[in-house]
């Protein structure tokens, strides 16, 4: 407790020399000088990490009073930021603020992130959440942000408005101590989730963002390779989240964990019903309940559903209730029929003792095969119905209040 209080006090008294602005640079020669000029106007020290640029961007900064690091070849944004964190630790900086070199963010807004860091618990990551209001904002960016927010919510339970923003404040000491392995664009998601697991507070402040017209935009995000990296990362983080192994703690802070049993059982039930109760997250909980309910988890469906929803911070009541629609005999029989068709190409119409008792091992295998087809379809249908119903109820409540 003493450590956390001490760190909060030191950050509340932050001066300009304890924060380093970090600008990773890779082939943004057209915009980097303007970005650096605005960064120097803040009064904070500036570090540029040239990640193997080939367009001579660093030459445009000759004579400019900044710190410099340079990679001989392109290693990735994550590698650049890890080197920046190591440099900041060596130089005694307490925090870094990362700013992309493409001109999307105004570096002068770094003070907003620093001020937010001083207002709340420390150590903390503060994200500059982009206000994507321009007509030039690509639809792919809007979708990518929502998609990323969804997975981060599952991985660490945080509802964040923009988990892909490149404008962030990181606490140097804690980030250096975190086991971060990714070196490309996936670094920023890994850093966010693993820091939250370690007890680092994560919060956001709104910042404007500038998206130039498509013909002027320079992006090094590879839609196939980088999306594949992010998919593999999210898969690994969700699986790690489901493992009953404690995370290494770096601070005294803890992510809020739901208690299933309290002194007042009725209050517990109310809390369980309210958790993650937005239409979307209710639908996600229903999806999980139906998906797991269809699988042949004989005699342990409810335990599995409660465990998964607890780890992913979903509505347990909604998930367990949805799973009841998968009780025998209809859904298991449907799965067996589908599995039998997949295995033999025909329908199982024989209800004899031999088929259902002596060949029970075949039926169990067919149940598993069929469930892999039936479960996602049934879960999607159930989730869509619940979402529509919950959204309708929510709109009516808002209308009644108005």
Protein backbone atom coordinates (compact mmCIF):
# COMPACT_ATOMS: atom_id res chain seq x y z
CA UNK A 1 0.00 0.00 0.00
CA UNK A 2 2.87 2.32 0.87
CA UNK A 3 4.50 1.72 -2.52
CA UNK A 4 1.34 2.66 -4.43
CA UNK A 5 0.79 5.82 -2.35
CA UNK A 6 4.41 6.88 -2.88
CA UNK A 7 4.19 6.39 -6.63
CA UNK A 8 0.92 8.34 -6.79
CA UNK A 9 2.54 11.28 -4.99
CA UNK A 10 5.59 11.31 -7.25
CA UNK A 11 3.45 11.32 -10.39
CA UNK A 12 1.22 14.08 -9.07
CA UNK A 13 4.33 16.24 -8.80
CA UNK A 14 5.59 15.27 -12.24
CA UNK A 15 7.87 17.78 -13.95
CA UNK A 16 8.70 18.04 -17.62
CA UNK A 17 12.03 16.28 -17.23
CA UNK A 18 10.47 13.06 -15.92
CA UNK A 19 8.43 12.49 -19.11
CA UNK A 20 9.99 11.59 -22.45
CA UNK A 21 8.13 11.96 -25.75
CA UNK A 22 8.92 8.97 -27.98
CA UNK A 23 8.37 9.07 -31.74
CA UNK A 24 9.02 5.80 -33.60
CA UNK A 25 9.95 6.61 -37.18
CA UNK A 26 9.71 4.43 -40.26
CA UNK A 27 9.56 6.10 -43.67
CA UNK A 28 7.59 9.20 -42.69
CA UNK A 29 10.03 11.77 -44.01
CA UNK A 30 7.20 14.02 -45.25
CA UNK A 31 5.61 14.48 -41.84
CA UNK A 32 8.26 13.83 -39.20
CA UNK A 33 9.78 17.33 -39.07
CA UNK A 34 6.41 18.95 -38.37
CA UNK A 35 5.65 16.33 -35.72
CA UNK A 36 9.03 16.92 -34.03
CA UNK A 37 8.54 20.69 -34.13
CA UNK A 38 5.18 20.35 -32.34
CA UNK A 39 6.67 17.86 -29.87
CA UNK A 40 9.46 20.27 -28.91
CA UNK A 41 6.87 22.99 -28.27
CA UNK A 42 5.63 20.95 -25.28
CA UNK A 43 8.92 21.42 -23.45
CA UNK A 44 9.29 17.70 -22.91
CA UNK A 45 12.50 15.95 -24.04
CA UNK A 46 12.01 14.08 -27.33
CA UNK A 47 13.42 10.75 -28.49
CA UNK A 48 13.15 9.62 -32.11
CA UNK A 49 13.69 5.91 -32.79
CA UNK A 50 14.44 5.41 -36.47
CA UNK A 51 13.35 1.85 -37.22
CA UNK A 52 15.42 1.28 -40.35
CA UNK A 53 13.92 4.06 -42.50
CA UNK A 54 15.02 4.20 -46.12
CA UNK A 55 13.60 7.60 -47.10
CA UNK A 56 16.10 9.81 -45.27
CA UNK A 57 13.68 10.99 -42.60
CA UNK A 58 16.39 11.34 -39.92
CA UNK A 59 18.43 13.66 -42.15
CA UNK A 60 15.56 16.15 -41.98
CA UNK A 61 16.16 16.36 -38.23
CA UNK A 62 19.83 17.35 -38.45
CA UNK A 63 20.59 20.08 -35.94
CA UNK A 64 17.35 19.50 -34.00
CA UNK A 65 17.82 19.11 -30.23
CA UNK A 66 16.46 15.59 -29.71
CA UNK A 67 17.64 12.19 -28.51
CA UNK A 68 18.17 9.62 -31.26
CA UNK A 69 18.21 5.83 -31.55
CA UNK A 70 18.59 4.07 -34.87
CA UNK A 71 18.00 0.52 -36.12
CA UNK A 72 20.04 -0.55 -39.13
CA UNK A 73 17.04 -2.49 -40.42
CA UNK A 74 13.31 -2.45 -39.82
CA UNK A 75 12.58 -4.44 -36.65
CA UNK A 76 9.01 -3.28 -36.01
CA UNK A 77 7.21 -0.66 -33.96
CA UNK A 78 7.23 -2.87 -30.89
CA UNK A 79 10.99 -3.27 -31.04
CA UNK A 80 11.37 0.51 -31.37
CA UNK A 81 9.17 1.13 -28.32
CA UNK A 82 10.99 -1.49 -26.24
CA UNK A 83 14.31 0.20 -27.05
CA UNK A 84 12.74 3.54 -26.13
CA UNK A 85 11.60 2.17 -22.77
CA UNK A 86 15.08 0.80 -22.07
CA UNK A 87 16.58 4.20 -22.97
CA UNK A 88 14.07 6.01 -20.76
CA UNK A 89 14.85 3.75 -17.80
CA UNK A 90 18.57 4.26 -18.26
CA UNK A 91 18.12 8.03 -18.40
CA UNK A 92 15.87 8.12 -15.33
CA UNK A 93 12.55 9.03 -16.97
CA UNK A 94 9.42 7.97 -15.11
CA UNK A 95 7.06 7.86 -18.10
CA UNK A 96 7.10 8.00 -21.87
CA UNK A 97 4.41 9.32 -24.20
CA UNK A 98 4.41 7.61 -27.59
CA UNK A 99 3.36 9.57 -30.67
CA UNK A 100 3.18 8.28 -34.24
CA UNK A 101 5.30 10.08 -36.84
CA UNK A 102 2.55 10.21 -39.47
CA UNK A 103 0.97 13.39 -38.13
CA UNK A 104 -2.33 11.84 -37.00
CA UNK A 105 -1.82 13.13 -33.46
CA UNK A 106 -0.86 16.59 -32.27
CA UNK A 107 2.12 16.00 -29.92
CA UNK A 108 1.15 19.11 -27.97
CA UNK A 109 -1.74 17.08 -26.54
CA UNK A 110 0.78 14.93 -24.65
CA UNK A 111 0.16 17.19 -21.67
CA UNK A 112 -3.43 15.89 -21.51
CA UNK A 113 -2.13 12.35 -20.98
CA UNK A 114 0.39 13.51 -18.38
CA UNK A 115 -2.28 15.46 -16.51
CA UNK A 116 -4.57 12.40 -16.51
CA UNK A 117 -1.70 10.27 -15.18
CA UNK A 118 -1.37 12.73 -12.28
CA UNK A 119 -5.08 12.65 -11.46
CA UNK A 120 -5.57 8.92 -10.86
CA UNK A 121 -3.75 5.87 -9.52
CA UNK A 122 -0.13 5.43 -10.51
CA UNK A 123 1.46 3.50 -12.20
CA UNK A 124 -0.91 3.76 -15.14
CA UNK A 125 -1.18 3.54 -18.89
CA UNK A 126 -3.11 6.48 -20.31
CA UNK A 127 -4.46 6.07 -23.85
CA UNK A 128 -5.23 8.99 -26.11
CA UNK A 129 -8.59 7.72 -27.38
CA UNK A 130 -9.09 9.00 -30.93
CA UNK A 131 -12.25 10.93 -31.71
CA UNK A 132 -12.87 9.47 -35.16
CA UNK A 133 -15.28 12.11 -36.45
CA UNK A 134 -13.71 12.99 -39.82
CA UNK A 135 -15.24 11.80 -43.07
CA UNK A 136 -11.78 10.63 -44.12
CA UNK A 137 -11.57 8.06 -41.33
CA UNK A 138 -11.27 4.64 -43.05
CA UNK A 139 -14.05 2.16 -42.31
CA UNK A 140 -11.37 -0.45 -41.72
CA UNK A 141 -9.97 1.67 -38.87
CA UNK A 142 -13.39 1.98 -37.23
CA UNK A 143 -13.99 -1.77 -37.49
CA UNK A 144 -10.46 -2.59 -36.36
CA UNK A 145 -10.83 -0.44 -33.26
CA UNK A 146 -14.15 -2.04 -32.27
CA UNK A 147 -12.79 -5.52 -32.96
CA UNK A 148 -9.71 -4.85 -30.85
CA UNK A 149 -11.78 -3.33 -28.01
CA UNK A 150 -13.91 -6.49 -27.94
CA UNK A 151 -10.96 -8.84 -27.51
CA UNK A 152 -9.20 -6.67 -24.94
CA UNK A 153 -12.46 -6.60 -22.94
CA UNK A 154 -12.45 -10.41 -22.88
CA UNK A 155 -8.75 -10.63 -22.07
CA UNK A 156 -8.60 -8.27 -19.11
CA UNK A 157 -12.15 -7.05 -18.45
CA UNK A 158 -11.47 -3.40 -19.35
CA UNK A 159 -14.01 -1.42 -21.39
CA UNK A 160 -11.70 0.91 -23.29
CA UNK A 161 -12.77 3.19 -26.16
CA UNK A 162 -9.62 2.87 -28.28
CA UNK A 163 -7.18 0.02 -27.72
CA UNK A 164 -5.38 0.69 -31.01
CA UNK A 165 -4.36 4.30 -30.49
CA UNK A 166 -0.64 4.94 -30.94
CA UNK A 167 -0.71 7.92 -28.57
CA UNK A 168 -0.13 6.53 -25.09
CA UNK A 169 1.58 7.25 -21.80
CA UNK A 170 3.47 4.27 -20.38
CA UNK A 171 5.06 3.94 -16.92
CA UNK A 172 8.68 3.11 -17.65
CA UNK A 173 9.59 0.94 -14.68
CA UNK A 174 6.56 -1.35 -14.91
CA UNK A 175 6.71 -1.76 -18.69
CA UNK A 176 10.39 -2.70 -18.59
CA UNK A 177 9.57 -5.34 -15.97
CA UNK A 178 6.68 -6.78 -18.00
CA UNK A 179 7.47 -9.79 -20.17
CA UNK A 180 6.71 -8.32 -23.60
CA UNK A 181 7.63 -10.50 -26.59
CA UNK A 182 5.97 -8.87 -29.59
CA UNK A 183 7.96 -6.58 -31.85
CA UNK A 184 5.45 -5.35 -34.44
CA UNK A 185 2.07 -3.61 -34.23
CA UNK A 186 0.84 -6.37 -31.92
CA UNK A 187 3.17 -5.02 -29.20
CA UNK A 188 0.68 -2.32 -28.21
CA UNK A 189 -2.12 -4.81 -27.48
CA UNK A 190 0.23 -7.18 -25.66
CA UNK A 191 1.60 -4.31 -23.54
CA UNK A 192 -1.91 -3.13 -22.66
CA UNK A 193 -3.29 -6.51 -21.61
CA UNK A 194 -0.22 -7.79 -19.77
CA UNK A 195 0.17 -4.50 -17.90
CA UNK A 196 -3.47 -4.71 -16.79
CA UNK A 197 -2.88 -8.29 -15.63
CA UNK A 198 0.10 -7.03 -13.63
CA UNK A 199 -2.05 -4.46 -11.81
CA UNK A 200 -1.17 -1.34 -13.81
CA UNK A 201 -4.16 0.99 -14.04
CA UNK A 202 -5.40 1.69 -17.59
CA UNK A 203 -7.56 4.67 -18.52
CA UNK A 204 -8.20 7.00 -21.44
CA UNK A 205 -8.59 10.64 -22.41
CA UNK A 206 -10.24 11.80 -25.63
CA UNK A 207 -7.97 13.40 -28.21
CA UNK A 208 -8.66 14.61 -31.75
CA UNK A 209 -7.07 12.77 -34.65
CA UNK A 210 -6.25 13.87 -38.19
CA UNK A 211 -6.77 11.45 -41.07
CA UNK A 212 -5.50 12.87 -44.38
CA UNK A 213 -7.22 11.88 -47.64
CA UNK A 214 -6.37 8.34 -48.81
CA UNK A 215 -3.95 9.56 -51.50
CA UNK A 216 -1.85 11.37 -48.85
CA UNK A 217 -1.98 8.64 -46.21
CA UNK A 218 1.12 6.53 -45.47
CA UNK A 219 0.51 3.30 -43.55
CA UNK A 220 2.87 0.40 -42.94
CA UNK A 221 0.17 -1.87 -41.51
CA UNK A 222 0.05 -5.03 -43.62
CA UNK A 223 -3.59 -6.11 -43.72
CA UNK A 224 -2.82 -9.82 -44.07
CA UNK A 225 0.36 -10.36 -42.07
CA UNK A 226 -0.33 -7.89 -39.25
CA UNK A 227 -3.94 -9.02 -38.86
CA UNK A 228 -2.69 -12.60 -38.65
CA UNK A 229 -0.22 -11.56 -35.95
CA UNK A 230 -3.03 -9.85 -34.02
CA UNK A 231 -5.31 -12.89 -34.39
CA UNK A 232 -2.62 -15.19 -33.00
CA UNK A 233 -1.92 -12.74 -30.19
CA UNK A 234 -5.58 -12.42 -29.16
CA UNK A 235 -6.01 -16.20 -29.29
CA UNK A 236 -3.02 -16.66 -27.01
CA UNK A 237 -4.14 -13.95 -24.57
CA UNK A 238 -7.68 -15.37 -24.28
CA UNK A 239 -6.31 -18.86 -23.65
CA UNK A 240 -3.94 -17.47 -21.03
CA UNK A 241 -6.83 -15.62 -19.42
CA UNK A 242 -8.75 -18.89 -19.10
CA UNK A 243 -5.89 -20.66 -17.32
CA UNK A 244 -6.30 -20.73 -13.51
CA UNK A 245 -2.74 -19.47 -13.02
CA UNK A 246 -2.16 -16.15 -11.18
CA UNK A 247 -0.53 -13.35 -13.12
CA UNK A 248 2.71 -11.81 -11.91
CA UNK A 249 1.88 -8.63 -9.98
CA UNK A 250 3.92 -5.45 -10.34
CA UNK A 251 1.76 -3.17 -8.19
CA UNK A 252 -0.62 -3.35 -5.26
CA UNK A 253 -3.57 -2.63 -7.57
CA UNK A 254 -5.85 -5.47 -8.59
CA UNK A 255 -8.36 -5.91 -11.36
CA UNK A 256 -11.78 -6.16 -9.79
CA UNK A 257 -12.78 -9.80 -9.52
CA UNK A 258 -16.41 -10.72 -8.99
CA UNK A 259 -17.27 -12.52 -5.77
CA UNK A 260 -19.78 -15.31 -6.23
CA UNK A 261 -20.65 -15.54 -2.53
CA UNK A 262 -21.26 -12.65 -0.15
CA UNK A 263 -23.14 -12.28 3.12
CA UNK A 264 -26.29 -11.17 1.31
CA UNK A 265 -27.31 -13.87 -1.25
CA UNK A 266 -30.00 -11.66 -2.80
CA UNK A 267 -27.48 -8.88 -3.40
CA UNK A 268 -25.15 -11.42 -4.98
CA UNK A 269 -27.92 -12.50 -7.35
CA UNK A 270 -28.69 -8.88 -8.25
CA UNK A 271 -25.01 -8.21 -8.94
CA UNK A 272 -24.75 -11.30 -11.12
CA UNK A 273 -27.78 -10.27 -13.14
CA UNK A 274 -26.47 -6.73 -13.66
CA UNK A 275 -22.89 -7.60 -14.66
CA UNK A 276 -22.05 -7.04 -18.32
CA UNK A 277 -25.74 -6.30 -18.88
CA UNK A 278 -25.51 -4.18 -22.04
CA UNK A 279 -27.31 -5.78 -25.01
CA UNK A 280 -24.04 -6.64 -26.74
CA UNK A 281 -22.34 -8.25 -23.75
CA UNK A 282 -25.52 -10.11 -22.78
CA UNK A 283 -25.52 -11.52 -26.31
CA UNK A 284 -21.87 -12.54 -25.94
CA UNK A 285 -22.68 -14.31 -22.66
CA UNK A 286 -25.58 -16.12 -24.31
CA UNK A 287 -23.29 -17.14 -27.17
CA UNK A 288 -20.81 -18.66 -24.71
CA UNK A 289 -23.59 -20.42 -22.76
CA UNK A 290 -25.12 -21.96 -25.88
CA UNK A 291 -21.75 -22.84 -27.43
CA UNK A 292 -20.55 -24.68 -24.33
CA UNK A 293 -24.01 -26.08 -23.63
CA UNK A 294 -24.07 -27.91 -26.95
CA UNK A 295 -20.66 -29.53 -26.45
CA UNK A 296 -20.61 -33.03 -24.90
CA UNK A 297 -19.28 -31.81 -21.54
CA UNK A 298 -21.24 -34.50 -19.73
CA UNK A 299 -22.14 -33.60 -16.12
CA UNK A 300 -19.98 -30.48 -16.09
CA UNK A 301 -21.64 -28.00 -18.46
CA UNK A 302 -22.62 -25.56 -15.73
CA UNK A 303 -19.23 -25.69 -14.04
CA UNK A 304 -17.47 -25.03 -17.34
CA UNK A 305 -19.81 -22.16 -18.23
CA UNK A 306 -19.47 -20.48 -14.84
CA UNK A 307 -15.68 -20.81 -14.96
CA UNK A 308 -15.34 -19.39 -18.49
CA UNK A 309 -17.75 -16.52 -17.88
CA UNK A 310 -16.01 -15.73 -14.59
CA UNK A 311 -12.61 -15.56 -16.25
CA UNK A 312 -13.91 -13.50 -19.19
CA UNK A 313 -16.16 -11.33 -16.98
CA UNK A 314 -19.38 -12.14 -18.75
CA UNK A 315 -22.90 -12.41 -17.37
CA UNK A 316 -22.99 -15.79 -15.67
CA UNK A 317 -26.78 -15.85 -15.16
CA UNK A 318 -27.44 -15.20 -18.86
CA UNK A 319 -24.92 -17.83 -19.96
CA UNK A 320 -26.17 -20.55 -17.63
CA UNK A 321 -29.79 -19.78 -18.46
CA UNK A 322 -29.07 -19.99 -22.20
CA UNK A 323 -27.33 -23.34 -21.78
CA UNK A 324 -30.54 -24.87 -20.44
CA UNK A 325 -31.94 -24.84 -23.96
CA UNK A 326 -29.30 -27.43 -24.84
CA UNK A 327 -30.49 -30.05 -22.37
CA UNK A 328 -31.27 -33.57 -23.69
CA UNK A 329 -32.77 -34.99 -25.73
CA UNK A 330 -33.31 -32.58 -28.66
CA UNK A 331 -29.97 -30.77 -29.04
CA UNK A 332 -27.70 -33.78 -28.28
CA UNK A 333 -29.79 -35.92 -30.69
CA UNK A 334 -29.43 -33.24 -33.38
CA UNK A 335 -25.65 -33.15 -32.86
CA UNK A 336 -25.43 -36.94 -33.07
CA UNK A 337 -27.47 -36.91 -36.27
CA UNK A 338 -25.20 -34.27 -37.80
CA UNK A 339 -22.10 -36.13 -36.63
CA UNK A 340 -23.41 -39.43 -38.02
CA UNK A 341 -24.05 -37.76 -41.37
CA UNK A 342 -20.54 -36.29 -41.38
CA UNK A 343 -19.07 -39.73 -40.62
CA UNK A 344 -21.19 -41.94 -42.89
CA UNK A 345 -23.05 -39.66 -45.30
CA UNK A 346 -26.43 -41.03 -44.17
CA UNK A 347 -29.05 -40.45 -41.47
CA UNK A 348 -29.26 -42.38 -38.21
CA UNK A 349 -32.87 -43.61 -38.03
CA UNK A 350 -32.27 -46.84 -36.11
CA UNK A 351 -33.35 -46.52 -32.45
CA UNK A 352 -32.29 -50.03 -31.47
CA UNK A 353 -30.43 -51.09 -28.32
CA UNK A 354 -27.35 -51.97 -30.36
CA UNK A 355 -27.13 -48.56 -31.97
CA UNK A 356 -27.59 -46.45 -28.83
CA UNK A 357 -26.11 -48.59 -26.05
CA UNK A 358 -23.62 -51.08 -27.44
CA UNK A 359 -22.28 -48.50 -29.89
CA UNK A 360 -22.35 -45.64 -27.38
CA UNK A 361 -18.70 -44.79 -28.08
CA UNK A 362 -19.64 -44.08 -31.71
CA UNK A 363 -22.55 -41.90 -30.62
CA UNK A 364 -20.30 -39.89 -28.29
CA UNK A 365 -17.82 -39.30 -31.10
CA UNK A 366 -20.67 -38.23 -33.40
CA UNK A 367 -22.02 -35.94 -30.68
CA UNK A 368 -18.63 -34.20 -30.52
CA UNK A 369 -18.35 -33.92 -34.30
CA UNK A 370 -21.88 -32.64 -34.70
CA UNK A 371 -21.56 -30.19 -31.82
CA UNK A 372 -18.67 -28.46 -33.56
CA UNK A 373 -21.12 -27.58 -36.35
CA UNK A 374 -24.31 -27.06 -34.35
CA UNK A 375 -22.83 -25.10 -31.42
CA UNK A 376 -21.62 -21.97 -33.26
CA UNK A 377 -24.79 -21.82 -35.40
CA UNK A 378 -27.16 -22.23 -32.47
CA UNK A 379 -25.08 -19.84 -30.35
CA UNK A 380 -25.16 -17.18 -33.07
CA UNK A 381 -28.95 -17.47 -33.48
CA UNK A 382 -29.50 -17.27 -29.72
CA UNK A 383 -27.13 -14.35 -29.30
CA UNK A 384 -28.76 -12.42 -32.16
CA UNK A 385 -32.24 -12.91 -30.67
CA UNK A 386 -31.10 -11.83 -27.19
CA UNK A 387 -29.29 -8.81 -28.56
CA UNK A 388 -32.35 -7.67 -30.49
CA UNK A 389 -34.65 -8.21 -27.50
CA UNK A 390 -32.31 -6.50 -25.03
CA UNK A 391 -31.73 -3.57 -27.38
CA UNK A 392 -35.49 -3.13 -27.81
CA UNK A 393 -36.06 -3.17 -24.05
CA UNK A 394 -33.22 -0.70 -23.55
CA UNK A 395 -34.64 1.71 -26.13
CA UNK A 396 -38.07 1.54 -24.50
CA UNK A 397 -36.57 2.29 -21.10
CA UNK A 398 -34.74 5.31 -22.49
CA UNK A 399 -37.93 6.50 -24.19
CA UNK A 400 -39.92 6.11 -20.94
CA UNK A 401 -37.33 8.09 -19.00
CA UNK A 402 -37.36 10.82 -21.65
